[in-house]
Amino acid sequence: MIAIIDYGVGNLFSVCASLKKIGAEAVVTSDKDVIERADKLILPGVGAFADAMAKLKKTGLDKVVKAQAEKGKYIMGICLGMQMLFEKSYEYGEHEGLGLLKGSVVPMKGVIDGELKIPHIGWNALRFEKPHFLFKYIKNGDCVYFVHSYYATDCQDSVIATAEYDKHLTAAVAKDNVLGCQFHPEKSGEVGLNMLKAFCEAENYAASGEVKA
């Protein structure tokens, strides 16, 4: 069973619907016991980093997420949920993240071509930077759907895919059992569903020693 963590922020039910579409058992929950019993976790998120982290801490779920990740349970962060996996964010100030991945989150403004719109909204091709089981059912160059104004940097050891928006920006990350997608797999059609399918099968790849960042 996959627990989609409900802390008041995120596209919870669209993620749940996508997982059920591929035959996965999933539940939206804020219950610590349910999260601890789950086989895998998904941390969604939309909106501002500081607000999301404050809500996660207020519920006490920040400690639960970190404890489960440190035990080796697979966790996937989506969009803002991926950004929260890093050490800190510089979105309207400096804010502490979960620290499960090395790196920080910074504004796209001043980095990309000033003529390009921010937030970055739309479909962009993935460029694989490292082999990983998340890519089992998709191919290099497949397109996924983004909505973001900030991106992860100083995280070379965990970047497995980038997407070009003037610069090659972090699109997907993975370090052992901690994974993240800056894009929305639940809004990315068959490509997104296939990545979620691969995530659901994570233990199979870990046991076989198949591609892993």
N, C-alpha and C. Protein backbone atom coordinates (compact mmCIF):
# COMPACT_ATOMS: atom_id res chain seq x y z
N MET A 1 0.84 -1.19 0.00
CA MET A 1 0.00 0.00 0.00
C MET A 1 0.88 1.25 0.00
N ILE A 2 0.46 2.24 -0.79
CA ILE A 2 1.19 3.50 -0.87
C ILE A 2 0.41 4.57 -0.12
N ALA A 3 1.07 5.24 0.81
CA ALA A 3 0.44 6.31 1.56
C ALA A 3 0.79 7.65 0.93
N ILE A 4 -0.22 8.39 0.51
CA ILE A 4 -0.05 9.75 0.00
C ILE A 4 -0.27 10.68 1.17
N ILE A 5 0.77 11.38 1.57
CA ILE A 5 0.75 12.12 2.83
C ILE A 5 -0.07 13.40 2.72
N ASP A 6 -1.09 13.49 3.55
CA ASP A 6 -2.00 14.63 3.57
C ASP A 6 -1.62 15.56 4.71
N TYR A 7 -0.99 16.69 4.36
CA TYR A 7 -0.65 17.70 5.37
C TYR A 7 -1.26 19.04 5.00
N GLY A 8 -2.28 19.00 4.13
CA GLY A 8 -3.01 20.19 3.77
C GLY A 8 -2.54 20.89 2.52
N VAL A 9 -1.58 20.30 1.80
CA VAL A 9 -1.03 20.92 0.60
C VAL A 9 -0.82 19.84 -0.46
N GLY A 10 -1.33 20.05 -1.69
CA GLY A 10 -0.98 19.11 -2.76
C GLY A 10 -2.16 18.57 -3.53
N ASN A 11 -1.84 17.99 -4.69
CA ASN A 11 -2.84 17.37 -5.56
C ASN A 11 -3.07 15.93 -5.09
N LEU A 12 -3.62 15.81 -3.91
CA LEU A 12 -3.70 14.50 -3.26
C LEU A 12 -4.52 13.49 -4.05
N PHE A 13 -5.70 13.88 -4.42
CA PHE A 13 -6.61 12.89 -4.99
C PHE A 13 -6.32 12.59 -6.45
N SER A 14 -5.70 13.53 -7.17
CA SER A 14 -5.30 13.22 -8.54
C SER A 14 -4.14 12.23 -8.54
N VAL A 15 -3.24 12.35 -7.55
CA VAL A 15 -2.16 11.38 -7.40
C VAL A 15 -2.74 10.01 -7.06
N CYS A 16 -3.68 10.00 -6.14
CA CYS A 16 -4.32 8.75 -5.73
C CYS A 16 -5.04 8.10 -6.90
N ALA A 17 -5.75 8.89 -7.68
CA ALA A 17 -6.48 8.36 -8.84
C ALA A 17 -5.52 7.76 -9.86
N SER A 18 -4.36 8.40 -10.05
CA SER A 18 -3.37 7.88 -11.00
C SER A 18 -2.83 6.54 -10.54
N LEU A 19 -2.55 6.42 -9.26
CA LEU A 19 -2.03 5.16 -8.72
C LEU A 19 -3.07 4.04 -8.85
N LYS A 20 -4.30 4.37 -8.58
CA LYS A 20 -5.35 3.35 -8.69
C LYS A 20 -5.57 2.95 -10.15
N LYS A 21 -5.33 3.89 -11.06
CA LYS A 21 -5.49 3.59 -12.49
C LYS A 21 -4.51 2.53 -12.94
N ILE A 22 -3.32 2.48 -12.32
CA ILE A 22 -2.32 1.47 -12.69
C ILE A 22 -2.41 0.23 -11.79
N GLY A 23 -3.46 0.19 -10.97
CA GLY A 23 -3.70 -1.00 -10.16
C GLY A 23 -3.02 -1.02 -8.81
N ALA A 24 -2.48 0.12 -8.39
CA ALA A 24 -1.81 0.18 -7.10
C ALA A 24 -2.81 0.49 -5.99
N GLU A 25 -2.56 -0.07 -4.82
CA GLU A 25 -3.37 0.25 -3.65
C GLU A 25 -2.81 1.52 -3.03
N ALA A 26 -3.65 2.54 -2.91
CA ALA A 26 -3.18 3.82 -2.40
C ALA A 26 -4.22 4.44 -1.49
N VAL A 27 -3.74 5.25 -0.55
CA VAL A 27 -4.65 5.94 0.37
C VAL A 27 -4.08 7.31 0.69
N VAL A 28 -4.96 8.29 0.76
CA VAL A 28 -4.59 9.64 1.20
C VAL A 28 -4.76 9.67 2.71
N THR A 29 -3.70 10.02 3.43
CA THR A 29 -3.78 9.93 4.89
C THR A 29 -2.85 10.90 5.61
N SER A 30 -3.26 11.29 6.80
CA SER A 30 -2.39 12.05 7.70
C SER A 30 -2.16 11.25 8.99
N ASP A 31 -2.58 10.00 8.97
CA ASP A 31 -2.48 9.13 10.14
C ASP A 31 -1.08 8.52 10.24
N LYS A 32 -0.39 8.82 11.32
CA LYS A 32 0.98 8.34 11.53
C LYS A 32 1.06 6.82 11.44
N ASP A 33 0.11 6.12 12.03
CA ASP A 33 0.14 4.66 12.03
C ASP A 33 -0.02 4.09 10.62
N VAL A 34 -0.89 4.69 9.83
CA VAL A 34 -1.09 4.25 8.46
C VAL A 34 0.17 4.48 7.64
N ILE A 35 0.78 5.64 7.83
CA ILE A 35 2.02 5.97 7.12
C ILE A 35 3.13 4.98 7.48
N GLU A 36 3.22 4.62 8.74
CA GLU A 36 4.26 3.69 9.17
C GLU A 36 4.02 2.28 8.65
N ARG A 37 2.75 1.93 8.42
CA ARG A 37 2.43 0.59 7.91
C ARG A 37 2.56 0.51 6.39
N ALA A 38 2.55 1.65 5.73
CA ALA A 38 2.58 1.68 4.26
C ALA A 38 3.89 1.11 3.73
N ASP A 39 3.82 0.56 2.51
CA ASP A 39 5.02 0.04 1.85
C ASP A 39 5.88 1.16 1.28
N LYS A 40 5.21 2.21 0.79
CA LYS A 40 5.91 3.35 0.19
C LYS A 40 5.14 4.62 0.50
N LEU A 41 5.83 5.75 0.34
CA LEU A 41 5.21 7.04 0.63
C LEU A 41 5.33 7.97 -0.56
N ILE A 42 4.33 8.82 -0.73
CA ILE A 42 4.41 9.91 -1.70
C ILE A 42 4.14 11.21 -0.96
N LEU A 43 5.05 12.18 -1.15
CA LEU A 43 4.91 13.50 -0.54
C LEU A 43 4.58 14.49 -1.65
N PRO A 44 3.31 14.88 -1.79
CA PRO A 44 2.94 15.84 -2.83
C PRO A 44 3.15 17.26 -2.31
N GLY A 45 2.83 18.23 -3.14
CA GLY A 45 2.93 19.61 -2.67
C GLY A 45 2.74 20.62 -3.78
N VAL A 46 1.99 21.68 -3.48
CA VAL A 46 1.87 22.83 -4.36
C VAL A 46 1.89 24.07 -3.47
N GLY A 47 2.29 25.20 -4.05
CA GLY A 47 2.29 26.43 -3.28
C GLY A 47 3.68 26.84 -2.82
N ALA A 48 3.74 27.52 -1.68
CA ALA A 48 4.99 28.09 -1.17
C ALA A 48 5.70 27.11 -0.24
N PHE A 49 7.03 27.08 -0.36
CA PHE A 49 7.85 26.17 0.42
C PHE A 49 7.67 26.37 1.92
N ALA A 50 7.80 27.62 2.39
CA ALA A 50 7.75 27.89 3.83
C ALA A 50 6.41 27.48 4.42
N ASP A 51 5.33 27.78 3.71
CA ASP A 51 4.00 27.42 4.19
C ASP A 51 3.83 25.91 4.27
N ALA A 52 4.32 25.21 3.23
CA ALA A 52 4.19 23.75 3.21
C ALA A 52 4.99 23.11 4.34
N MET A 53 6.22 23.57 4.54
CA MET A 53 7.04 23.01 5.62
C MET A 53 6.42 23.29 6.98
N ALA A 54 5.85 24.49 7.14
CA ALA A 54 5.20 24.84 8.41
C ALA A 54 4.03 23.90 8.70
N LYS A 55 3.25 23.59 7.65
CA LYS A 55 2.11 22.70 7.84
C LYS A 55 2.57 21.27 8.13
N LEU A 56 3.64 20.85 7.46
CA LEU A 56 4.17 19.50 7.69
C LEU A 56 4.66 19.37 9.13
N LYS A 57 5.36 20.41 9.61
CA LYS A 57 5.88 20.39 10.98
C LYS A 57 4.76 20.48 12.01
N LYS A 58 3.74 21.28 11.71
CA LYS A 58 2.63 21.44 12.64
C LYS A 58 1.93 20.12 12.90
N THR A 59 1.84 19.30 11.86
CA THR A 59 1.18 17.99 12.01
C THR A 59 2.12 16.95 12.62
N GLY A 60 3.40 17.27 12.69
CA GLY A 60 4.39 16.31 13.19
C GLY A 60 4.80 15.29 12.15
N LEU A 61 4.29 15.46 10.93
CA LEU A 61 4.57 14.48 9.89
C LEU A 61 5.97 14.63 9.31
N ASP A 62 6.62 15.77 9.55
CA ASP A 62 8.01 15.91 9.10
C ASP A 62 8.90 14.86 9.74
N LYS A 63 8.72 14.63 11.03
CA LYS A 63 9.51 13.63 11.75
C LYS A 63 9.16 12.22 11.29
N VAL A 64 7.89 12.00 11.00
CA VAL A 64 7.45 10.68 10.53
C VAL A 64 8.08 10.37 9.17
N VAL A 65 8.03 11.34 8.26
CA VAL A 65 8.60 11.16 6.93
C VAL A 65 10.10 10.88 7.01
N LYS A 66 10.81 11.67 7.79
CA LYS A 66 12.25 11.48 7.93
C LYS A 66 12.58 10.13 8.54
N ALA A 67 11.83 9.74 9.55
CA ALA A 67 12.09 8.45 10.20
C ALA A 67 11.86 7.28 9.25
N GLN A 68 10.78 7.36 8.47
CA GLN A 68 10.49 6.27 7.53
C GLN A 68 11.53 6.22 6.41
N ALA A 69 11.96 7.37 5.93
CA ALA A 69 12.99 7.41 4.89
C ALA A 69 14.31 6.85 5.42
N GLU A 70 14.64 7.20 6.64
CA GLU A 70 15.89 6.73 7.22
C GLU A 70 15.87 5.23 7.50
N LYS A 71 14.68 4.66 7.61
CA LYS A 71 14.55 3.21 7.76
C LYS A 71 14.67 2.48 6.43
N GLY A 72 14.70 3.25 5.34
CA GLY A 72 14.85 2.63 4.03
C GLY A 72 13.59 2.51 3.23
N LYS A 73 12.48 3.07 3.73
CA LYS A 73 11.23 3.01 2.98
C LYS A 73 11.31 3.94 1.78
N TYR A 74 10.80 3.48 0.64
CA TYR A 74 10.82 4.32 -0.56
C TYR A 74 9.84 5.48 -0.42
N ILE A 75 10.32 6.67 -0.76
CA ILE A 75 9.50 7.86 -0.72
C ILE A 75 9.73 8.66 -1.99
N MET A 76 8.65 9.16 -2.56
CA MET A 76 8.74 10.02 -3.75
C MET A 76 8.11 11.37 -3.44
N GLY A 77 8.87 12.43 -3.66
CA GLY A 77 8.34 13.78 -3.56
C GLY A 77 7.93 14.27 -4.94
N ILE A 78 6.80 14.95 -5.02
CA ILE A 78 6.30 15.47 -6.29
C ILE A 78 6.21 16.99 -6.24
N CYS A 79 6.82 17.65 -7.22
CA CYS A 79 6.81 19.10 -7.36
C CYS A 79 7.36 19.75 -6.08
N LEU A 80 6.56 20.52 -5.36
CA LEU A 80 7.03 21.11 -4.11
C LEU A 80 7.45 20.03 -3.12
N GLY A 81 6.78 18.88 -3.19
CA GLY A 81 7.16 17.76 -2.32
C GLY A 81 8.58 17.32 -2.57
N MET A 82 9.04 17.36 -3.84
CA MET A 82 10.43 17.04 -4.16
C MET A 82 11.35 18.10 -3.57
N GLN A 83 10.99 19.36 -3.71
CA GLN A 83 11.83 20.44 -3.20
C GLN A 83 12.01 20.34 -1.69
N MET A 84 10.99 19.89 -1.01
CA MET A 84 11.05 19.76 0.46
C MET A 84 12.01 18.68 0.92
N LEU A 85 12.38 17.77 0.02
CA LEU A 85 13.33 16.72 0.38
C LEU A 85 14.75 17.27 0.59
N PHE A 86 15.02 18.46 0.06
CA PHE A 86 16.37 19.03 0.11
C PHE A 86 16.64 19.75 1.44
N GLU A 87 17.86 20.22 1.57
CA GLU A 87 18.29 20.83 2.83
C GLU A 87 17.63 22.17 3.10
N LYS A 88 17.48 22.99 2.06
CA LYS A 88 16.89 24.30 2.27
C LYS A 88 16.34 24.89 0.98
N SER A 89 15.52 25.91 1.14
CA SER A 89 14.97 26.64 0.00
C SER A 89 15.18 28.14 0.23
N TYR A 90 15.41 28.84 -0.89
CA TYR A 90 15.55 30.29 -0.84
C TYR A 90 14.35 30.96 -1.50
N GLU A 91 13.18 30.42 -1.23
CA GLU A 91 11.94 31.00 -1.73
C GLU A 91 11.42 32.01 -0.72
N TYR A 92 11.54 33.28 -1.04
CA TYR A 92 11.14 34.36 -0.12
C TYR A 92 11.80 34.20 1.25
N GLY A 93 13.12 34.17 1.24
CA GLY A 93 13.88 33.98 2.47
C GLY A 93 14.65 32.68 2.42
N GLU A 94 15.13 32.25 3.55
CA GLU A 94 15.85 30.97 3.65
C GLU A 94 15.09 30.07 4.61
N HIS A 95 14.74 28.88 4.14
CA HIS A 95 13.90 27.98 4.92
C HIS A 95 14.47 26.57 4.92
N GLU A 96 14.41 25.93 6.04
CA GLU A 96 14.94 24.58 6.20
C GLU A 96 13.99 23.55 5.61
N GLY A 97 14.58 22.59 4.86
CA GLY A 97 13.81 21.50 4.31
C GLY A 97 13.98 20.24 5.16
N LEU A 98 13.60 19.10 4.62
CA LEU A 98 13.71 17.83 5.36
C LEU A 98 15.14 17.32 5.43
N GLY A 99 15.98 17.75 4.50
CA GLY A 99 17.39 17.36 4.54
C GLY A 99 17.66 15.91 4.17
N LEU A 100 16.74 15.29 3.44
CA LEU A 100 16.95 13.90 3.02
C LEU A 100 17.86 13.81 1.79
N LEU A 101 17.98 14.94 1.08
CA LEU A 101 18.87 15.03 -0.06
C LEU A 101 19.75 16.27 0.08
N LYS A 102 20.98 16.17 -0.39
CA LYS A 102 21.87 17.33 -0.37
C LYS A 102 21.46 18.29 -1.49
N GLY A 103 21.50 19.59 -1.19
CA GLY A 103 21.17 20.58 -2.20
C GLY A 103 20.20 21.61 -1.67
N SER A 104 19.91 22.59 -2.51
CA SER A 104 18.99 23.66 -2.12
C SER A 104 18.10 24.03 -3.29
N VAL A 105 17.06 24.78 -2.99
CA VAL A 105 16.07 25.18 -3.98
C VAL A 105 16.17 26.69 -4.17
N VAL A 106 16.33 27.12 -5.42
CA VAL A 106 16.57 28.54 -5.71
C VAL A 106 15.62 29.03 -6.80
N PRO A 107 15.47 30.35 -6.94
CA PRO A 107 14.57 30.90 -7.97
C PRO A 107 15.12 30.69 -9.37
N MET A 108 14.23 30.50 -10.32
CA MET A 108 14.61 30.45 -11.72
C MET A 108 14.90 31.86 -12.24
N LYS A 109 14.26 32.86 -11.63
CA LYS A 109 14.46 34.25 -12.05
C LYS A 109 15.92 34.64 -11.89
N GLY A 110 16.49 35.21 -12.93
CA GLY A 110 17.88 35.61 -12.91
C GLY A 110 18.83 34.52 -13.39
N VAL A 111 18.29 33.33 -13.58
CA VAL A 111 19.09 32.18 -14.05
C VAL A 111 18.76 31.86 -15.50
N ILE A 112 17.47 31.84 -15.80
CA ILE A 112 17.05 31.54 -17.17
C ILE A 112 16.87 32.84 -17.97
N ASP A 113 16.73 32.72 -19.25
CA ASP A 113 16.50 33.85 -20.14
C ASP A 113 15.29 34.67 -19.66
N GLY A 114 15.50 35.97 -19.50
CA GLY A 114 14.46 36.83 -18.97
C GLY A 114 13.22 36.92 -19.83
N GLU A 115 13.31 36.49 -21.08
CA GLU A 115 12.15 36.53 -21.96
C GLU A 115 11.23 35.33 -21.77
N LEU A 116 11.73 34.31 -21.07
CA LEU A 116 10.91 33.13 -20.81
C LEU A 116 10.00 33.38 -19.61
N LYS A 117 8.81 32.82 -19.69
CA LYS A 117 7.83 33.04 -18.62
C LYS A 117 8.18 32.25 -17.36
N ILE A 118 7.95 32.87 -16.22
CA ILE A 118 8.04 32.22 -14.92
C ILE A 118 6.70 32.47 -14.22
N PRO A 119 6.04 31.45 -13.71
CA PRO A 119 6.51 30.06 -13.62
C PRO A 119 6.63 29.36 -14.97
N HIS A 120 7.47 28.35 -14.97
CA HIS A 120 7.62 27.46 -16.10
C HIS A 120 6.41 26.52 -16.08
N ILE A 121 5.53 26.67 -17.06
CA ILE A 121 4.33 25.84 -17.13
C ILE A 121 4.28 25.18 -18.50
N GLY A 122 4.18 23.86 -18.50
CA GLY A 122 4.01 23.16 -19.76
C GLY A 122 4.81 21.88 -19.87
N TRP A 123 4.82 21.33 -21.07
CA TRP A 123 5.43 20.04 -21.35
C TRP A 123 6.88 20.22 -21.80
N ASN A 124 7.77 19.46 -21.19
CA ASN A 124 9.18 19.48 -21.58
C ASN A 124 9.75 18.07 -21.60
N ALA A 125 10.74 17.87 -22.45
CA ALA A 125 11.35 16.56 -22.59
C ALA A 125 12.33 16.28 -21.45
N LEU A 126 12.32 15.05 -20.98
CA LEU A 126 13.30 14.62 -19.98
C LEU A 126 14.61 14.23 -20.65
N ARG A 127 15.71 14.61 -20.05
CA ARG A 127 17.02 14.15 -20.49
C ARG A 127 17.61 13.33 -19.36
N PHE A 128 17.77 12.03 -19.60
CA PHE A 128 18.31 11.16 -18.56
C PHE A 128 19.78 11.50 -18.29
N GLU A 129 20.12 11.68 -17.04
CA GLU A 129 21.50 11.96 -16.65
C GLU A 129 22.19 10.74 -16.06
N LYS A 130 21.39 9.83 -15.51
CA LYS A 130 21.89 8.58 -14.94
C LYS A 130 20.84 7.50 -15.18
N PRO A 131 21.26 6.26 -15.29
CA PRO A 131 20.27 5.18 -15.38
C PRO A 131 19.54 5.03 -14.06
N HIS A 132 18.27 4.75 -14.11
CA HIS A 132 17.49 4.55 -12.88
C HIS A 132 16.24 3.75 -13.19
N PHE A 133 15.77 2.99 -12.20
CA PHE A 133 14.60 2.16 -12.44
C PHE A 133 13.33 2.97 -12.70
N LEU A 134 13.28 4.23 -12.30
CA LEU A 134 12.11 5.06 -12.60
C LEU A 134 11.88 5.17 -14.11
N PHE A 135 12.95 4.97 -14.88
CA PHE A 135 12.87 5.12 -16.34
C PHE A 135 12.61 3.79 -17.05
N LYS A 136 12.31 2.76 -16.28
CA LYS A 136 12.14 1.42 -16.82
C LYS A 136 11.15 1.38 -17.99
N TYR A 137 10.03 2.09 -17.87
CA TYR A 137 8.97 2.01 -18.85
C TYR A 137 8.82 3.26 -19.72
N ILE A 138 9.81 4.15 -19.67
CA ILE A 138 9.77 5.34 -20.51
C ILE A 138 11.10 5.46 -21.25
N LYS A 139 11.20 6.45 -22.15
CA LYS A 139 12.44 6.61 -22.90
C LYS A 139 12.96 8.04 -22.82
N ASN A 140 14.25 8.18 -23.02
CA ASN A 140 14.88 9.49 -23.03
C ASN A 140 14.19 10.39 -24.06
N GLY A 141 13.81 11.59 -23.64
CA GLY A 141 13.12 12.50 -24.54
C GLY A 141 11.62 12.52 -24.36
N ASP A 142 11.07 11.60 -23.58
CA ASP A 142 9.64 11.65 -23.30
C ASP A 142 9.30 12.94 -22.55
N CYS A 143 8.11 13.45 -22.79
CA CYS A 143 7.71 14.74 -22.21
C CYS A 143 6.82 14.57 -20.98
N VAL A 144 7.01 15.48 -20.03
CA VAL A 144 6.23 15.49 -18.79
C VAL A 144 5.80 16.93 -18.50
N TYR A 145 4.87 17.08 -17.58
CA TYR A 145 4.24 18.38 -17.34
C TYR A 145 4.78 19.07 -16.08
N PHE A 146 5.26 20.30 -16.28
CA PHE A 146 5.87 21.08 -15.20
C PHE A 146 5.01 22.30 -14.84
N VAL A 147 5.07 22.67 -13.56
CA VAL A 147 4.55 23.96 -13.08
C VAL A 147 5.45 24.37 -11.91
N HIS A 148 6.41 25.26 -12.16
CA HIS A 148 7.29 25.68 -11.07
C HIS A 148 8.04 26.96 -11.40
N SER A 149 8.45 27.65 -10.32
CA SER A 149 9.23 28.88 -10.43
C SER A 149 10.60 28.74 -9.77
N TYR A 150 10.81 27.62 -9.07
CA TYR A 150 12.06 27.35 -8.36
C TYR A 150 12.57 25.98 -8.78
N TYR A 151 13.86 25.76 -8.60
CA TYR A 151 14.43 24.46 -8.99
C TYR A 151 15.54 24.07 -8.03
N ALA A 152 15.85 22.81 -8.01
CA ALA A 152 16.89 22.28 -7.11
C ALA A 152 18.26 22.41 -7.76
N THR A 153 19.25 22.82 -6.95
CA THR A 153 20.61 22.97 -7.44
C THR A 153 21.60 22.45 -6.39
N ASP A 154 22.87 22.38 -6.77
CA ASP A 154 23.91 21.84 -5.88
C ASP A 154 23.55 20.43 -5.41
N CYS A 155 22.96 19.66 -6.34
CA CYS A 155 22.47 18.32 -5.98
C CYS A 155 22.92 17.29 -7.01
N GLN A 156 24.14 17.46 -7.52
CA GLN A 156 24.63 16.62 -8.61
C GLN A 156 24.62 15.13 -8.28
N ASP A 157 24.81 14.80 -7.01
CA ASP A 157 24.88 13.37 -6.65
C ASP A 157 23.53 12.67 -6.73
N SER A 158 22.45 13.45 -6.81
CA SER A 158 21.12 12.82 -6.85
C SER A 158 20.34 13.08 -8.14
N VAL A 159 20.84 13.94 -9.02
CA VAL A 159 20.10 14.26 -10.25
C VAL A 159 20.12 13.07 -11.21
N ILE A 160 18.95 12.62 -11.61
CA ILE A 160 18.88 11.52 -12.59
C ILE A 160 18.27 11.97 -13.91
N ALA A 161 17.62 13.15 -13.92
CA ALA A 161 17.07 13.68 -15.16
C ALA A 161 16.98 15.20 -15.08
N THR A 162 17.16 15.84 -16.23
CA THR A 162 16.99 17.29 -16.32
C THR A 162 15.99 17.59 -17.44
N ALA A 163 15.56 18.84 -17.48
CA ALA A 163 14.70 19.31 -18.57
C ALA A 163 15.20 20.69 -18.97
N GLU A 164 15.18 20.97 -20.26
CA GLU A 164 15.72 22.24 -20.75
C GLU A 164 14.65 23.32 -20.77
N TYR A 165 14.92 24.39 -20.02
CA TYR A 165 14.11 25.60 -20.08
C TYR A 165 15.11 26.75 -20.06
N ASP A 166 15.72 26.98 -21.20
CA ASP A 166 16.91 27.79 -21.37
C ASP A 166 18.13 27.06 -20.80
N LYS A 167 18.10 26.74 -19.52
CA LYS A 167 19.14 25.93 -18.88
C LYS A 167 18.62 24.52 -18.66
N HIS A 168 19.54 23.60 -18.38
CA HIS A 168 19.13 22.25 -18.01
C HIS A 168 18.84 22.25 -16.50
N LEU A 169 17.57 22.22 -16.17
CA LEU A 169 17.14 22.30 -14.77
C LEU A 169 16.81 20.91 -14.23
N THR A 170 17.00 20.75 -12.94
CA THR A 170 16.72 19.47 -12.29
C THR A 170 15.27 19.07 -12.48
N ALA A 171 15.07 17.87 -13.02
CA ALA A 171 13.71 17.37 -13.27
C ALA A 171 13.36 16.17 -12.39
N ALA A 172 14.34 15.32 -12.12
CA ALA A 172 14.10 14.15 -11.27
C ALA A 172 15.36 13.83 -10.49
N VAL A 173 15.18 13.37 -9.27
CA VAL A 173 16.30 13.05 -8.39
C VAL A 173 16.08 11.70 -7.72
N ALA A 174 17.17 11.08 -7.33
CA ALA A 174 17.08 9.82 -6.59
C ALA A 174 18.39 9.58 -5.85
N LYS A 175 18.27 9.17 -4.63
CA LYS A 175 19.42 8.76 -3.82
C LYS A 175 18.94 7.62 -2.93
N ASP A 176 19.36 6.41 -3.29
CA ASP A 176 18.90 5.22 -2.57
C ASP A 176 17.37 5.16 -2.60
N ASN A 177 16.71 5.23 -1.45
CA ASN A 177 15.25 5.07 -1.39
C ASN A 177 14.49 6.39 -1.47
N VAL A 178 15.20 7.51 -1.62
CA VAL A 178 14.56 8.82 -1.66
C VAL A 178 14.54 9.33 -3.10
N LEU A 179 13.34 9.55 -3.65
CA LEU A 179 13.19 9.95 -5.04
C LEU A 179 12.32 11.19 -5.14
N GLY A 180 12.45 11.91 -6.26
CA GLY A 180 11.61 13.08 -6.44
C GLY A 180 11.46 13.45 -7.90
N CYS A 181 10.31 14.05 -8.23
CA CYS A 181 10.03 14.56 -9.57
C CYS A 181 9.60 16.02 -9.45
N GLN A 182 10.29 16.91 -10.14
CA GLN A 182 9.88 18.30 -10.15
C GLN A 182 8.57 18.48 -10.93
N PHE A 183 8.37 17.63 -11.91
CA PHE A 183 7.14 17.65 -12.70
C PHE A 183 6.04 16.88 -11.99
N HIS A 184 4.87 16.88 -12.61
CA HIS A 184 3.71 16.17 -12.04
C HIS A 184 3.46 14.89 -12.83
N PRO A 185 3.87 13.74 -12.33
CA PRO A 185 3.59 12.49 -13.06
C PRO A 185 2.09 12.24 -13.21
N GLU A 186 1.31 12.69 -12.23
CA GLU A 186 -0.13 12.47 -12.28
C GLU A 186 -0.81 13.32 -13.35
N LYS A 187 -0.08 14.29 -13.93
CA LYS A 187 -0.62 15.13 -15.00
C LYS A 187 0.14 14.91 -16.32
N SER A 188 0.98 13.87 -16.34
CA SER A 188 1.87 13.65 -17.48
C SER A 188 1.48 12.46 -18.34
N GLY A 189 0.19 12.15 -18.37
CA GLY A 189 -0.29 11.10 -19.26
C GLY A 189 0.35 9.74 -19.01
N GLU A 190 0.52 8.98 -20.11
CA GLU A 190 1.06 7.63 -20.00
C GLU A 190 2.50 7.62 -19.47
N VAL A 191 3.27 8.64 -19.81
CA VAL A 191 4.66 8.71 -19.32
C VAL A 191 4.67 8.79 -17.80
N GLY A 192 3.83 9.66 -17.25
CA GLY A 192 3.75 9.79 -15.80
C GLY A 192 3.26 8.52 -15.13
N LEU A 193 2.24 7.91 -15.72
CA LEU A 193 1.72 6.66 -15.16
C LEU A 193 2.78 5.58 -15.17
N ASN A 194 3.58 5.53 -16.22
CA ASN A 194 4.64 4.51 -16.30
C ASN A 194 5.74 4.75 -15.27
N MET A 195 6.00 6.01 -14.94
CA MET A 195 6.98 6.28 -13.89
C MET A 195 6.43 5.88 -12.52
N LEU A 196 5.16 6.15 -12.30
CA LEU A 196 4.53 5.71 -11.05
C LEU A 196 4.52 4.18 -10.96
N LYS A 197 4.31 3.53 -12.10
CA LYS A 197 4.35 2.06 -12.13
C LYS A 197 5.73 1.56 -11.70
N ALA A 198 6.78 2.18 -12.23
CA ALA A 198 8.13 1.78 -11.85
C ALA A 198 8.39 2.03 -10.37
N PHE A 199 7.87 3.14 -9.85
CA PHE A 199 8.02 3.43 -8.42
C PHE A 199 7.35 2.36 -7.58
N CYS A 200 6.18 1.92 -8.01
CA CYS A 200 5.46 0.87 -7.28
C CYS A 200 6.24 -0.44 -7.23
N GLU A 201 7.13 -0.64 -8.20
CA GLU A 201 7.90 -1.89 -8.29
C GLU A 201 9.32 -1.74 -7.73
N ALA A 202 9.56 -0.66 -6.98
CA ALA A 202 10.91 -0.32 -6.53
C ALA A 202 11.66 -1.47 -5.87
N GLU A 203 10.99 -2.23 -5.01
CA GLU A 203 11.69 -3.31 -4.31
C GLU A 203 12.22 -4.36 -5.26
N ASN A 204 11.52 -4.59 -6.36
CA ASN A 204 11.96 -5.59 -7.34
C ASN A 204 13.32 -5.22 -7.92
N TYR A 205 13.49 -3.93 -8.23
CA TYR A 205 14.75 -3.48 -8.82
C TYR A 205 15.87 -3.48 -7.79
N ALA A 206 15.52 -3.11 -6.57
CA ALA A 206 16.53 -3.09 -5.51
C ALA A 206 17.03 -4.50 -5.24
N ALA A 207 16.11 -5.46 -5.26
CA ALA A 207 16.49 -6.85 -5.00
C ALA A 207 17.34 -7.43 -6.12
N SER A 208 17.08 -7.01 -7.35
CA SER A 208 17.79 -7.57 -8.50
C SER A 208 19.10 -6.84 -8.79
N GLY A 209 19.27 -5.67 -8.14
CA GLY A 209 20.47 -4.87 -8.40
C GLY A 209 20.38 -4.10 -9.70
N GLU A 210 19.17 -4.02 -10.28
CA GLU A 210 18.98 -3.30 -11.54
C GLU A 210 19.19 -1.80 -11.33
N VAL A 211 19.43 -1.10 -12.43
CA VAL A 211 19.77 0.32 -12.45
C VAL A 211 19.29 1.11 -11.24
N LYS A 212 20.24 1.81 -10.64
CA LYS A 212 19.95 2.55 -9.41
C LYS A 212 20.93 3.70 -9.31
N ALA A 213 20.43 4.88 -8.97
CA ALA A 213 21.33 6.03 -8.82
C ALA A 213 22.12 5.93 -7.53
